[in-house]
N, C-alpha and C. Protein backbone atom coordinates (compact mmCIF):
# COMPACT_ATOMS: atom_id res chain seq x y z
N MET A 1 -37.09 24.60 14.13
CA MET A 1 -37.45 25.82 14.01
C MET A 1 -37.99 25.88 15.44
N LYS A 2 -37.57 26.69 16.74
CA LYS A 2 -38.05 26.74 18.00
C LYS A 2 -39.23 27.62 17.76
N HIS A 3 -40.05 27.78 18.95
CA HIS A 3 -41.25 28.41 19.25
C HIS A 3 -40.56 29.80 20.14
N ARG A 4 -40.51 30.90 19.88
CA ARG A 4 -39.61 31.91 20.58
C ARG A 4 -40.49 33.03 21.30
N ILE A 5 -40.71 32.91 22.65
CA ILE A 5 -41.69 33.72 23.58
C ILE A 5 -40.63 34.42 24.43
N LEU A 6 -41.36 35.69 24.31
CA LEU A 6 -40.56 36.89 25.16
C LEU A 6 -41.53 37.12 26.26
N PHE A 7 -41.37 37.50 27.31
CA PHE A 7 -42.26 37.93 28.52
C PHE A 7 -41.72 39.25 28.69
N VAL A 8 -42.67 40.00 29.12
CA VAL A 8 -42.45 41.31 29.22
C VAL A 8 -43.20 42.17 30.29
N CYS A 9 -42.41 42.54 31.16
CA CYS A 9 -43.17 43.49 32.35
C CYS A 9 -42.38 44.90 32.57
N LEU A 10 -42.58 45.52 33.53
CA LEU A 10 -42.02 46.99 33.64
C LEU A 10 -40.35 46.87 33.42
N GLY A 11 -39.88 46.41 34.58
CA GLY A 11 -38.51 46.30 35.10
C GLY A 11 -37.52 45.07 34.68
N ASN A 12 -38.50 44.08 34.77
CA ASN A 12 -37.99 42.66 34.04
C ASN A 12 -37.37 42.05 35.48
N ILE A 13 -37.65 42.20 36.76
CA ILE A 13 -37.13 41.86 37.70
C ILE A 13 -38.22 40.86 38.76
N CYS A 14 -39.58 41.09 38.15
CA CYS A 14 -40.30 40.24 38.99
C CYS A 14 -41.33 39.24 38.29
N ARG A 15 -41.73 39.76 37.38
CA ARG A 15 -43.30 39.48 36.67
C ARG A 15 -42.69 38.55 35.59
N SER A 16 -41.89 39.26 34.60
CA SER A 16 -41.63 38.48 33.26
C SER A 16 -40.57 37.68 33.35
N ALA A 17 -39.36 37.94 34.73
CA ALA A 17 -38.60 36.95 34.98
C ALA A 17 -39.32 35.47 35.46
N ALA A 18 -40.13 35.82 36.36
CA ALA A 18 -40.83 34.31 36.80
C ALA A 18 -41.51 33.86 35.88
N ALA A 19 -42.01 34.42 34.46
CA ALA A 19 -43.05 33.75 33.87
C ALA A 19 -41.82 33.19 32.82
N GLU A 20 -40.70 33.70 32.51
CA GLU A 20 -39.78 32.88 31.99
C GLU A 20 -39.55 31.69 32.48
N ALA A 21 -39.54 31.80 34.06
CA ALA A 21 -38.89 30.58 34.80
C ALA A 21 -40.03 29.52 34.90
N VAL A 22 -41.02 29.84 34.92
CA VAL A 22 -42.44 29.00 35.17
C VAL A 22 -42.49 28.42 33.67
N MET A 23 -42.23 28.93 32.66
CA MET A 23 -42.82 28.39 31.28
C MET A 23 -41.51 27.32 31.06
N LYS A 24 -40.16 27.74 31.37
CA LYS A 24 -38.99 26.94 31.06
C LYS A 24 -39.44 25.90 31.70
N ALA A 25 -39.58 25.74 33.13
CA ALA A 25 -40.11 24.70 34.41
C ALA A 25 -41.16 23.71 33.53
N LEU A 26 -42.04 24.26 32.74
CA LEU A 26 -43.54 23.66 32.27
C LEU A 26 -42.71 22.87 30.94
N VAL A 27 -42.41 23.75 30.01
CA VAL A 27 -41.91 22.86 28.87
C VAL A 27 -40.46 21.73 29.12
N ALA A 28 -39.87 21.86 30.15
CA ALA A 28 -39.13 20.81 30.49
C ALA A 28 -39.89 19.12 31.03
N LYS A 29 -40.68 20.04 31.90
CA LYS A 29 -41.57 18.84 32.43
C LYS A 29 -42.31 18.04 31.32
N ALA A 30 -42.50 18.87 30.40
CA ALA A 30 -43.28 18.21 29.29
C ALA A 30 -42.27 17.44 28.12
N GLY A 31 -40.96 17.70 28.57
CA GLY A 31 -40.00 16.93 27.41
C GLY A 31 -39.75 17.76 26.25
N ARG A 32 -40.18 19.05 26.44
CA ARG A 32 -40.41 19.39 25.15
C ARG A 32 -39.33 21.04 25.14
N SER A 33 -38.48 21.23 25.77
CA SER A 33 -37.46 22.02 25.92
C SER A 33 -36.77 22.52 24.53
N SER A 34 -36.52 21.53 23.70
CA SER A 34 -35.82 21.65 22.49
C SER A 34 -36.75 22.83 21.43
N GLU A 35 -37.95 22.39 21.84
CA GLU A 35 -38.83 23.42 20.77
C GLU A 35 -39.23 24.47 21.36
N PHE A 36 -38.48 24.95 22.12
CA PHE A 36 -38.95 26.44 22.85
C PHE A 36 -37.56 27.23 22.97
N PHE A 37 -37.47 28.31 22.70
CA PHE A 37 -36.81 29.56 23.15
C PHE A 37 -37.53 30.44 23.88
N ILE A 38 -37.28 30.49 25.33
CA ILE A 38 -37.88 31.49 26.14
C ILE A 38 -37.00 32.43 26.68
N ASP A 39 -37.47 33.78 26.78
CA ASP A 39 -36.69 34.98 27.42
C ASP A 39 -37.52 35.87 27.78
N SER A 40 -37.04 36.98 28.85
CA SER A 40 -38.00 37.91 29.15
C SER A 40 -37.22 39.26 28.78
N ALA A 41 -37.99 40.58 29.33
CA ALA A 41 -37.44 41.60 28.91
C ALA A 41 -38.35 42.83 29.89
N GLY A 42 -37.72 43.81 30.22
CA GLY A 42 -38.26 44.82 30.78
C GLY A 42 -38.76 46.23 29.66
N ILE A 43 -40.05 46.77 30.13
CA ILE A 43 -40.22 48.10 29.21
C ILE A 43 -39.03 49.01 29.63
N LEU A 44 -38.60 49.21 30.84
CA LEU A 44 -37.45 50.10 31.33
C LEU A 44 -36.32 49.56 31.34
N SER A 45 -34.95 50.26 31.21
CA SER A 45 -33.82 49.78 31.39
C SER A 45 -33.14 49.96 32.58
N TYR A 46 -34.04 50.49 33.79
CA TYR A 46 -33.54 50.93 34.99
C TYR A 46 -32.90 49.73 35.74
N HIS A 47 -33.10 48.44 35.65
CA HIS A 47 -32.82 47.37 36.36
C HIS A 47 -31.84 46.66 35.50
N GLU A 48 -31.69 46.86 34.05
CA GLU A 48 -30.52 46.51 33.33
C GLU A 48 -29.42 46.06 34.13
N GLY A 49 -29.14 44.54 33.73
CA GLY A 49 -27.75 43.90 34.17
C GLY A 49 -28.25 43.22 35.67
N GLU A 50 -29.24 43.54 36.37
CA GLU A 50 -29.72 43.11 37.77
C GLU A 50 -30.17 41.78 37.77
N LYS A 51 -30.03 40.95 38.74
CA LYS A 51 -30.80 39.84 39.08
C LYS A 51 -32.25 40.21 39.15
N ALA A 52 -32.98 39.20 39.19
CA ALA A 52 -34.36 39.40 39.53
C ALA A 52 -34.61 39.89 41.33
N ASP A 53 -35.56 40.22 41.47
CA ASP A 53 -35.94 40.67 42.65
C ASP A 53 -35.80 39.34 43.67
N HIS A 54 -35.01 39.47 44.81
CA HIS A 54 -34.70 38.40 45.65
C HIS A 54 -36.21 38.02 46.22
N ARG A 55 -36.96 38.54 46.40
CA ARG A 55 -38.32 38.09 46.91
C ARG A 55 -38.91 37.26 45.73
N MET A 56 -38.92 37.66 44.57
CA MET A 56 -39.37 36.76 43.55
C MET A 56 -38.59 35.16 43.50
N ILE A 57 -37.17 35.39 43.48
CA ILE A 57 -36.52 34.43 43.39
C ILE A 57 -36.95 33.51 44.78
N PHE A 58 -37.12 34.14 46.04
CA PHE A 58 -37.44 33.18 46.98
C PHE A 58 -39.06 32.60 47.17
N HIS A 59 -40.19 33.24 46.08
CA HIS A 59 -41.14 32.84 46.43
C HIS A 59 -41.27 31.54 45.24
N ALA A 60 -40.53 32.07 44.17
CA ALA A 60 -40.53 30.82 43.13
C ALA A 60 -39.79 29.67 43.58
N GLY A 61 -38.99 30.05 44.38
CA GLY A 61 -37.75 29.04 44.70
C GLY A 61 -38.85 28.04 45.59
N LYS A 62 -39.49 28.59 46.21
CA LYS A 62 -40.54 27.56 47.15
C LYS A 62 -41.14 26.65 46.55
N ARG A 63 -41.55 27.23 45.01
CA ARG A 63 -42.54 26.13 44.08
C ARG A 63 -41.55 25.48 43.19
N GLY A 64 -40.39 25.66 43.44
CA GLY A 64 -39.43 24.62 42.58
C GLY A 64 -39.15 25.37 41.04
N TYR A 65 -39.04 26.82 41.18
CA TYR A 65 -38.81 27.23 39.97
C TYR A 65 -37.32 28.29 40.28
N ASP A 66 -36.42 28.11 39.16
CA ASP A 66 -35.30 28.85 39.29
C ASP A 66 -35.19 30.28 38.28
N VAL A 67 -35.27 31.00 39.07
CA VAL A 67 -35.32 32.42 38.42
C VAL A 67 -34.01 32.79 38.09
N THR A 68 -33.45 33.04 37.06
CA THR A 68 -32.20 33.14 36.97
C THR A 68 -31.66 34.31 35.60
N SER A 69 -32.94 34.99 35.42
CA SER A 69 -32.46 35.64 34.19
C SER A 69 -31.98 37.11 34.84
N ILE A 70 -31.40 37.53 33.92
CA ILE A 70 -30.65 38.79 34.18
C ILE A 70 -31.54 40.08 33.34
N SER A 71 -32.17 41.16 34.13
CA SER A 71 -32.97 42.03 33.59
C SER A 71 -32.09 42.83 32.21
N ARG A 72 -33.10 42.97 31.23
CA ARG A 72 -32.78 43.54 30.26
C ARG A 72 -33.94 44.48 29.42
N PRO A 73 -33.29 45.46 28.80
CA PRO A 73 -35.00 46.32 28.17
C PRO A 73 -35.34 45.32 26.69
N VAL A 74 -36.46 45.46 26.55
CA VAL A 74 -36.98 45.22 25.08
C VAL A 74 -36.56 45.97 23.95
N LYS A 75 -35.77 45.36 23.20
CA LYS A 75 -35.37 46.14 22.01
C LYS A 75 -36.04 46.00 20.91
N SER A 76 -35.77 46.92 19.64
CA SER A 76 -36.83 46.75 18.56
C SER A 76 -36.48 45.52 17.81
N TYR A 77 -35.11 44.74 17.89
CA TYR A 77 -35.30 43.45 17.08
C TYR A 77 -35.92 42.66 17.69
N ASP A 78 -36.42 42.71 19.02
CA ASP A 78 -37.04 41.75 19.83
C ASP A 78 -38.64 41.17 19.04
N PHE A 79 -39.26 42.19 18.20
CA PHE A 79 -40.26 42.13 17.75
C PHE A 79 -40.08 41.15 16.16
N GLU A 80 -38.82 41.52 15.89
CA GLU A 80 -38.58 40.37 14.45
C GLU A 80 -38.13 38.99 15.23
N ASP A 81 -37.31 38.86 16.39
CA ASP A 81 -36.81 37.41 17.05
C ASP A 81 -37.94 36.66 17.35
N PHE A 82 -38.73 37.45 18.11
CA PHE A 82 -39.57 36.37 18.77
C PHE A 82 -41.21 36.34 18.02
N ASP A 83 -41.30 34.98 18.09
CA ASP A 83 -42.84 34.78 17.39
C ASP A 83 -43.86 35.32 18.49
N ILE A 84 -43.93 35.38 19.86
CA ILE A 84 -44.79 35.89 20.51
C ILE A 84 -44.24 36.85 21.66
N VAL A 85 -44.97 38.11 21.87
CA VAL A 85 -44.49 39.03 22.79
C VAL A 85 -45.39 39.05 24.05
N ILE A 86 -45.36 38.84 25.01
CA ILE A 86 -46.32 38.69 26.06
C ILE A 86 -46.15 39.86 27.17
N GLY A 87 -46.79 40.78 27.44
CA GLY A 87 -46.90 41.68 28.40
C GLY A 87 -47.64 41.44 29.94
N MET A 88 -47.74 41.80 30.71
CA MET A 88 -48.30 41.27 31.91
C MET A 88 -49.48 42.03 32.32
N ASP A 89 -49.52 43.60 31.92
CA ASP A 89 -50.47 44.18 32.18
C ASP A 89 -50.88 45.51 31.14
N ASN A 90 -51.85 45.98 31.13
CA ASN A 90 -52.27 46.85 29.82
C ASN A 90 -51.40 47.95 29.66
N SER A 91 -50.64 48.38 30.77
CA SER A 91 -49.38 49.53 30.03
C SER A 91 -48.45 48.63 29.56
N ASN A 92 -48.26 47.50 29.97
CA ASN A 92 -47.21 46.78 29.08
C ASN A 92 -47.50 46.79 27.73
N ILE A 93 -48.57 46.28 27.55
CA ILE A 93 -49.05 46.26 26.22
C ILE A 93 -49.02 47.40 25.08
N ASP A 94 -49.81 48.82 26.09
CA ASP A 94 -49.61 49.90 25.27
C ASP A 94 -48.41 50.39 24.96
N ASP A 95 -47.13 50.24 25.91
CA ASP A 95 -46.00 50.21 25.59
C ASP A 95 -45.29 49.52 24.52
N LEU A 96 -45.70 47.96 24.57
CA LEU A 96 -45.22 47.27 23.54
C LEU A 96 -45.69 47.52 21.85
N MET A 97 -47.19 48.22 22.00
CA MET A 97 -47.79 48.38 20.61
C MET A 97 -46.99 49.77 20.26
N ASP A 98 -46.58 50.56 21.05
CA ASP A 98 -46.24 51.78 20.62
C ASP A 98 -44.95 51.33 20.05
N ARG A 99 -43.89 50.65 20.66
CA ARG A 99 -42.75 50.13 20.11
C ARG A 99 -42.42 49.31 19.05
N ALA A 100 -43.81 48.36 18.77
CA ALA A 100 -43.88 47.69 17.81
C ALA A 100 -43.64 48.43 15.93
N ALA A 101 -43.29 48.06 15.19
CA ALA A 101 -42.81 48.85 14.15
C ALA A 101 -43.59 48.84 13.19
N THR A 102 -44.40 47.78 12.92
CA THR A 102 -45.22 47.16 11.96
C THR A 102 -46.60 46.53 12.58
N PRO A 103 -47.73 46.51 11.71
CA PRO A 103 -48.88 45.72 11.88
C PRO A 103 -48.40 44.02 12.22
N ASP A 104 -47.68 43.74 11.52
CA ASP A 104 -46.95 42.50 11.82
C ASP A 104 -46.58 42.27 13.11
N GLN A 105 -45.65 43.06 13.45
CA GLN A 105 -45.11 43.05 14.93
C GLN A 105 -46.15 43.26 16.09
N GLN A 106 -47.02 44.11 15.98
CA GLN A 106 -48.32 44.38 16.98
C GLN A 106 -49.31 43.26 16.79
N LYS A 107 -49.37 42.35 15.96
CA LYS A 107 -50.04 40.88 16.04
C LYS A 107 -49.25 39.86 17.13
N LYS A 108 -48.12 40.03 17.37
CA LYS A 108 -47.21 39.38 18.14
C LYS A 108 -47.47 39.38 19.64
N ILE A 109 -47.98 40.58 19.82
CA ILE A 109 -48.43 41.05 21.67
C ILE A 109 -49.59 40.58 21.74
N HIS A 110 -49.45 40.08 23.09
CA HIS A 110 -50.75 39.30 24.02
C HIS A 110 -50.44 39.77 25.00
N LYS A 111 -51.57 39.95 25.88
CA LYS A 111 -51.31 39.51 27.48
C LYS A 111 -51.27 38.45 28.03
N MET A 112 -50.57 37.99 28.96
CA MET A 112 -50.47 36.98 29.48
C MET A 112 -51.67 36.39 30.23
N THR A 113 -52.58 37.15 30.91
CA THR A 113 -53.93 36.80 31.00
C THR A 113 -54.85 36.20 30.01
N GLU A 114 -54.45 36.70 28.77
CA GLU A 114 -55.32 35.73 27.84
C GLU A 114 -55.18 34.00 27.64
N TYR A 115 -54.18 33.68 28.08
CA TYR A 115 -53.96 32.30 28.21
C TYR A 115 -54.22 31.74 29.97
N CYS A 116 -55.19 32.30 30.54
CA CYS A 116 -55.16 31.57 32.21
C CYS A 116 -56.50 30.69 31.65
N ARG A 117 -56.45 29.98 32.34
CA ARG A 117 -57.66 28.98 32.47
C ARG A 117 -58.93 28.72 33.63
N LYS A 118 -58.21 29.10 34.80
CA LYS A 118 -58.44 29.22 36.10
C LYS A 118 -58.94 30.15 36.42
N PHE A 119 -58.23 31.47 36.44
CA PHE A 119 -58.41 32.63 36.79
C PHE A 119 -58.72 33.67 35.95
N ASP A 120 -59.66 34.65 36.43
CA ASP A 120 -60.55 35.38 35.56
C ASP A 120 -59.78 37.13 35.46
N ASN A 121 -58.50 37.03 35.99
CA ASN A 121 -58.26 38.14 36.40
C ASN A 121 -57.56 38.91 34.99
N ASP A 122 -57.73 40.39 34.98
CA ASP A 122 -57.62 40.98 33.69
C ASP A 122 -55.85 41.23 33.28
N TYR A 123 -55.30 41.16 34.40
CA TYR A 123 -54.03 41.35 34.29
C TYR A 123 -52.95 40.47 35.43
N VAL A 124 -51.53 40.58 34.96
CA VAL A 124 -50.70 40.29 36.38
C VAL A 124 -50.45 41.46 36.94
N PRO A 125 -50.57 41.41 38.22
CA PRO A 125 -50.17 42.84 39.20
C PRO A 125 -48.97 42.81 39.37
N ASP A 126 -48.30 43.96 39.42
CA ASP A 126 -47.03 44.10 39.80
C ASP A 126 -46.87 44.06 41.18
N PRO A 127 -46.02 43.06 41.95
CA PRO A 127 -45.85 42.58 43.47
C PRO A 127 -44.95 43.46 44.23
N TYR A 128 -44.22 44.40 43.34
CA TYR A 128 -43.04 45.27 44.04
C TYR A 128 -43.25 45.72 44.98
N TYR A 129 -44.27 46.31 45.21
CA TYR A 129 -44.33 47.50 46.55
C TYR A 129 -45.36 46.64 47.41
N GLY A 130 -45.91 45.45 47.02
CA GLY A 130 -46.57 44.70 48.14
C GLY A 130 -45.77 43.66 48.91
N GLY A 131 -46.57 42.94 49.57
CA GLY A 131 -46.08 41.73 50.75
C GLY A 131 -46.02 40.53 49.76
N ALA A 132 -45.79 39.49 50.80
CA ALA A 132 -45.68 37.94 50.20
C ALA A 132 -46.84 37.58 49.34
N GLU A 133 -47.80 37.81 49.72
CA GLU A 133 -49.13 37.35 49.15
C GLU A 133 -49.24 37.90 47.53
N GLY A 134 -48.55 39.21 47.17
CA GLY A 134 -48.42 39.84 45.82
C GLY A 134 -47.73 38.64 45.07
N PHE A 135 -46.73 38.21 45.63
CA PHE A 135 -45.74 37.04 44.80
C PHE A 135 -46.39 35.85 44.90
N ASP A 136 -47.16 35.57 45.81
CA ASP A 136 -47.85 34.05 45.50
C ASP A 136 -49.17 34.58 44.36
N LEU A 137 -49.71 35.38 44.35
CA LEU A 137 -50.54 35.60 43.34
C LEU A 137 -49.99 35.72 42.00
N VAL A 138 -49.07 36.38 42.05
CA VAL A 138 -48.43 36.69 40.70
C VAL A 138 -48.20 34.93 40.27
N LEU A 139 -47.50 34.33 41.13
CA LEU A 139 -47.17 32.95 40.38
C LEU A 139 -48.08 32.07 40.23
N ASP A 140 -49.50 32.02 41.16
CA ASP A 140 -50.50 31.37 40.75
C ASP A 140 -50.94 31.73 39.39
N LEU A 141 -50.96 33.09 38.87
CA LEU A 141 -51.63 33.59 37.74
C LEU A 141 -50.56 32.91 36.68
N LEU A 142 -49.15 33.08 37.01
CA LEU A 142 -48.56 32.53 35.88
C LEU A 142 -48.32 30.92 35.53
N GLU A 143 -48.60 30.38 36.74
CA GLU A 143 -48.64 29.18 36.57
C GLU A 143 -49.93 28.54 35.59
N ASP A 144 -50.91 29.29 35.77
CA ASP A 144 -52.17 29.06 34.85
C ASP A 144 -52.13 29.36 33.43
N ALA A 145 -51.39 30.97 33.44
CA ALA A 145 -51.54 31.25 31.98
C ALA A 145 -50.02 30.54 31.50
N CYS A 146 -49.33 29.98 32.02
CA CYS A 146 -48.15 29.56 31.28
C CYS A 146 -48.65 28.10 30.59
N ALA A 147 -49.25 27.60 31.47
CA ALA A 147 -49.87 26.05 31.17
C ALA A 147 -50.86 26.49 29.90
N GLY A 148 -51.69 27.38 29.87
CA GLY A 148 -52.52 27.75 28.92
C GLY A 148 -51.95 28.07 27.90
N LEU A 149 -50.78 28.87 27.87
CA LEU A 149 -49.80 29.23 26.35
C LEU A 149 -49.41 27.86 26.00
N LEU A 150 -49.05 26.83 26.91
CA LEU A 150 -48.18 25.71 26.28
C LEU A 150 -49.18 24.84 25.39
N ASP A 151 -50.39 24.77 25.89
CA ASP A 151 -51.50 24.26 25.23
C ASP A 151 -51.62 25.00 23.89
N THR A 152 -51.08 25.98 23.62
CA THR A 152 -51.70 26.55 22.23
C THR A 152 -50.57 26.02 21.39
N PHE A 153 -49.60 25.21 21.87
CA PHE A 153 -48.23 24.90 21.07
C PHE A 153 -48.60 23.04 20.96
N PRO A 154 -49.17 22.80 19.60
CA PRO A 154 -49.55 21.28 19.70
C PRO A 154 -48.10 20.72 20.14
N ASP A 155 -48.02 19.47 20.32
CA ASP A 155 -46.95 18.62 20.32
C ASP A 155 -46.33 18.17 18.83
N LYS A 156 -45.18 17.93 18.69
CA LYS A 156 -44.66 17.65 17.41
C LYS A 156 -44.86 15.73 17.34
């Protein structure tokens, strides 16, 4: 049985798409890809069917990450299909909690920064309207948090 992780942000073109790519790279580097199914989605369907933001693809690519996800909105069945649903900020968490149908589904919802080990940021900020430094900060936070998240899944 694979560990199933869903990363969520507002539009699924920056933060959650990058989190998916970072996490996939970390589990591959650890030789554990067969143990995980990793995906991403957005609260909104505005960007459904689109590739990730070209700026995130560029900045992630400079670090060796391949951001290939195609935007999709969170669906009600995601709360059943995934073991853990990770939002990037408090607004994402609130929206996810509103969409979860049961208390058990709500227990699956966590904030990305809960898993940070080096950074003490409360949330992963949306870099969409900012400059290059915003994308780099997001990637710094995601690298830290994804490493911490991977540590919560013991080796088999």
